Amino acid sequence: MEQLNVILFLVGFFRTLFVFVVIYYLIKLLTKYVLPLFISQPKQHRDFREPRPSKPEGEVTIEKNQYNNGRIPKDEGEYVDFEEVD
């Protein structure tokens, strides 16, 4: 009777081990072949702001945030004034 329990335990153990191995390789195959199909699709343009006109290289412009009204949020950080050292 004890031998039967050992055999049944081993059968259950190997069946569970087999299921884990199969699931592991299924996940591995899915991530290798199926996931890149979803990732490589072109991403849609999600920027709903006005498109910025192209500027010549080297041109500098300053754009103010019209929603802030000149106020800096408290969590924005600290202003640091830099000086040139010769």
C-alpha atoms as a PDB file:
ATOM      1  CA  MET A   1       0.000   0.000   0.000  1.00  0.00           C
ATOM      2  CA  GLU A   2       2.857   2.351   0.805  1.00  0.00           C
ATOM      3  CA  GLN A   3       4.459   1.672  -2.576  1.00  0.00           C
ATOM      4  CA  LEU A   4       1.230   2.678  -4.296  1.00  0.00           C
ATOM      5  CA  ASN A   5       1.233   6.021  -2.433  1.00  0.00           C
ATOM      6  CA  VAL A   6       4.827   6.649  -3.489  1.00  0.00           C
ATOM      7  CA  ILE A   7       4.053   5.814  -7.116  1.00  0.00           C
ATOM      8  CA  LEU A   8       0.971   8.053  -7.116  1.00  0.00           C
ATOM      9  CA  PHE A   9       2.974  10.863  -5.521  1.00  0.00           C
ATOM     10  CA  LEU A  10       5.682  10.566  -8.171  1.00  0.00           C
ATOM     11  CA  VAL A  11       3.110  10.485 -10.983  1.00  0.00           C
ATOM     12  CA  GLY A  12       1.459  13.632  -9.621  1.00  0.00           C
ATOM     13  CA  PHE A  13       4.829  15.321  -9.163  1.00  0.00           C
ATOM     14  CA  PHE A  14       5.973  14.577 -12.709  1.00  0.00           C
ATOM     15  CA  ARG A  15       2.613  15.622 -14.143  1.00  0.00           C
ATOM     16  CA  THR A  16       2.857  18.964 -12.311  1.00  0.00           C
ATOM     17  CA  LEU A  17       6.461  19.385 -13.423  1.00  0.00           C
ATOM     18  CA  PHE A  18       5.439  18.630 -17.021  1.00  0.00           C
ATOM     19  CA  VAL A  19       2.653  21.246 -16.878  1.00  0.00           C
ATOM     20  CA  PHE A  20       5.089  23.889 -15.573  1.00  0.00           C
ATOM     21  CA  VAL A  21       7.598  23.103 -18.320  1.00  0.00           C
ATOM     22  CA  VAL A  22       4.910  23.298 -21.015  1.00  0.00           C
ATOM     23  CA  ILE A  23       3.627  26.624 -19.665  1.00  0.00           C
ATOM     24  CA  TYR A  24       7.192  27.977 -19.522  1.00  0.00           C
ATOM     25  CA  TYR A  25       7.881  27.128 -23.156  1.00  0.00           C
ATOM     26  CA  LEU A  26       4.480  28.445 -24.282  1.00  0.00           C
ATOM     27  CA  ILE A  27       5.215  31.789 -22.631  1.00  0.00           C
ATOM     28  CA  LYS A  28       8.686  31.786 -24.147  1.00  0.00           C
ATOM     29  CA  LEU A  29       7.304  31.143 -27.647  1.00  0.00           C
ATOM     30  CA  LEU A  30       4.579  33.747 -27.244  1.00  0.00           C
ATOM     31  CA  THR A  31       7.022  36.430 -26.167  1.00  0.00           C
ATOM     32  CA  LYS A  32       9.414  35.574 -28.985  1.00  0.00           C
ATOM     33  CA  TYR A  33       7.007  35.309 -31.918  1.00  0.00           C
ATOM     34  CA  VAL A  34       3.602  36.785 -31.020  1.00  0.00           C
ATOM     35  CA  LEU A  35       4.507  39.777 -28.840  1.00  0.00           C
ATOM     36  CA  PRO A  36       6.739  41.440 -31.480  1.00  0.00           C
ATOM     37  CA  LEU A  37       3.779  41.444 -33.882  1.00  0.00           C
ATOM     38  CA  PHE A  38       1.900  43.747 -31.509  1.00  0.00           C
ATOM     39  CA  ILE A  39       4.880  45.910 -30.604  1.00  0.00           C
ATOM     40  CA  SER A  40       6.213  46.515 -34.117  1.00  0.00           C
ATOM     41  CA  GLN A  41       2.989  48.040 -35.420  1.00  0.00           C
ATOM     42  CA  PRO A  42       3.328  51.766 -36.153  1.00  0.00           C
ATOM     43  CA  LYS A  43       2.316  53.946 -33.264  1.00  0.00           C
ATOM     44  CA  GLN A  44      -0.377  56.499 -33.892  1.00  0.00           C
ATOM     45  CA  HIS A  45       0.403  60.161 -33.376  1.00  0.00           C
ATOM     46  CA  ARG A  46      -1.045  60.991 -29.966  1.00  0.00           C
ATOM     47  CA  ASP A  47       0.118  64.592 -29.670  1.00  0.00           C
ATOM     48  CA  PHE A  48      -3.047  66.680 -29.847  1.00  0.00           C
ATOM     49  CA  ARG A  49      -1.264  70.030 -29.642  1.00  0.00           C
ATOM     50  CA  GLU A  50      -0.720  72.167 -32.698  1.00  0.00           C
ATOM     51  CA  PRO A  51       2.136  70.901 -34.856  1.00  0.00           C
ATOM     52  CA  ARG A  52       5.225  73.057 -34.493  1.00  0.00           C
ATOM     53  CA  PRO A  53       6.646  74.587 -37.648  1.00  0.00           C
ATOM     54  CA  SER A  54      10.134  73.442 -38.557  1.00  0.00           C
ATOM     55  CA  LYS A  55      12.834  75.952 -37.637  1.00  0.00           C
ATOM     56  CA  PRO A  56      16.248  76.483 -39.152  1.00  0.00           C
ATOM     57  CA  GLU A  57      19.095  74.928 -37.204  1.00  0.00           C
ATOM     58  CA  GLY A  58      20.495  77.210 -34.516  1.00  0.00           C
ATOM     59  CA  GLU A  59      17.403  79.393 -34.159  1.00  0.00           C
ATOM     60  CA  VAL A  60      16.296  79.847 -30.570  1.00  0.00           C
ATOM     61  CA  THR A  61      12.793  80.796 -29.498  1.00  0.00           C
ATOM     62  CA  ILE A  62      11.228  81.115 -26.079  1.00  0.00           C
ATOM     63  CA  GLU A  63       7.724  79.818 -25.684  1.00  0.00           C
ATOM     64  CA  LYS A  64       5.705  80.729 -22.617  1.00  0.00           C
ATOM     65  CA  ASN A  65       3.151  78.408 -21.161  1.00  0.00           C
ATOM     66  CA  GLN A  66      -0.126  80.271 -21.557  1.00  0.00           C
ATOM     67  CA  TYR A  67      -1.867  78.142 -18.924  1.00  0.00           C
ATOM     68  CA  ASN A  68       0.556  78.941 -16.093  1.00  0.00           C
ATOM     69  CA  ASN A  69       0.242  82.765 -16.210  1.00  0.00           C
ATOM     70  CA  GLY A  70       3.898  83.120 -15.215  1.00  0.00           C
ATOM     71  CA  ARG A  71       3.634  81.141 -11.984  1.00  0.00           C
ATOM     72  CA  ILE A  72       5.969  78.267 -11.262  1.00  0.00           C
ATOM     73  CA  PRO A  73       4.398  75.328  -9.431  1.00  0.00           C
ATOM     74  CA  LYS A  74       5.898  74.569  -6.026  1.00  0.00           C
ATOM     75  CA  ASP A  75       6.921  71.086  -7.113  1.00  0.00           C
ATOM     76  CA  GLU A  76       8.732  72.428 -10.186  1.00  0.00           C
ATOM     77  CA  GLY A  77      12.050  72.763  -8.412  1.00  0.00           C
ATOM     78  CA  GLU A  78      14.511  75.412  -7.448  1.00  0.00           C
ATOM     79  CA  TYR A  79      15.960  78.137  -9.666  1.00  0.00           C
ATOM     80  CA  VAL A  80      19.756  78.130  -9.900  1.00  0.00           C
ATOM     81  CA  ASP A  81      21.643  81.105 -11.311  1.00  0.00           C
ATOM     82  CA  PHE A  82      24.895  80.082 -12.983  1.00  0.00           C
ATOM     83  CA  GLU A  83      27.957  82.288 -13.395  1.00  0.00           C
ATOM     84  CA  GLU A  84      30.773  81.841 -15.870  1.00  0.00           C
ATOM     85  CA  VAL A  85      34.169  81.227 -14.290  1.00  0.00           C
ATOM     86  CA  ASP A  86      37.264  82.248 -16.240  1.00  0.00           C
END
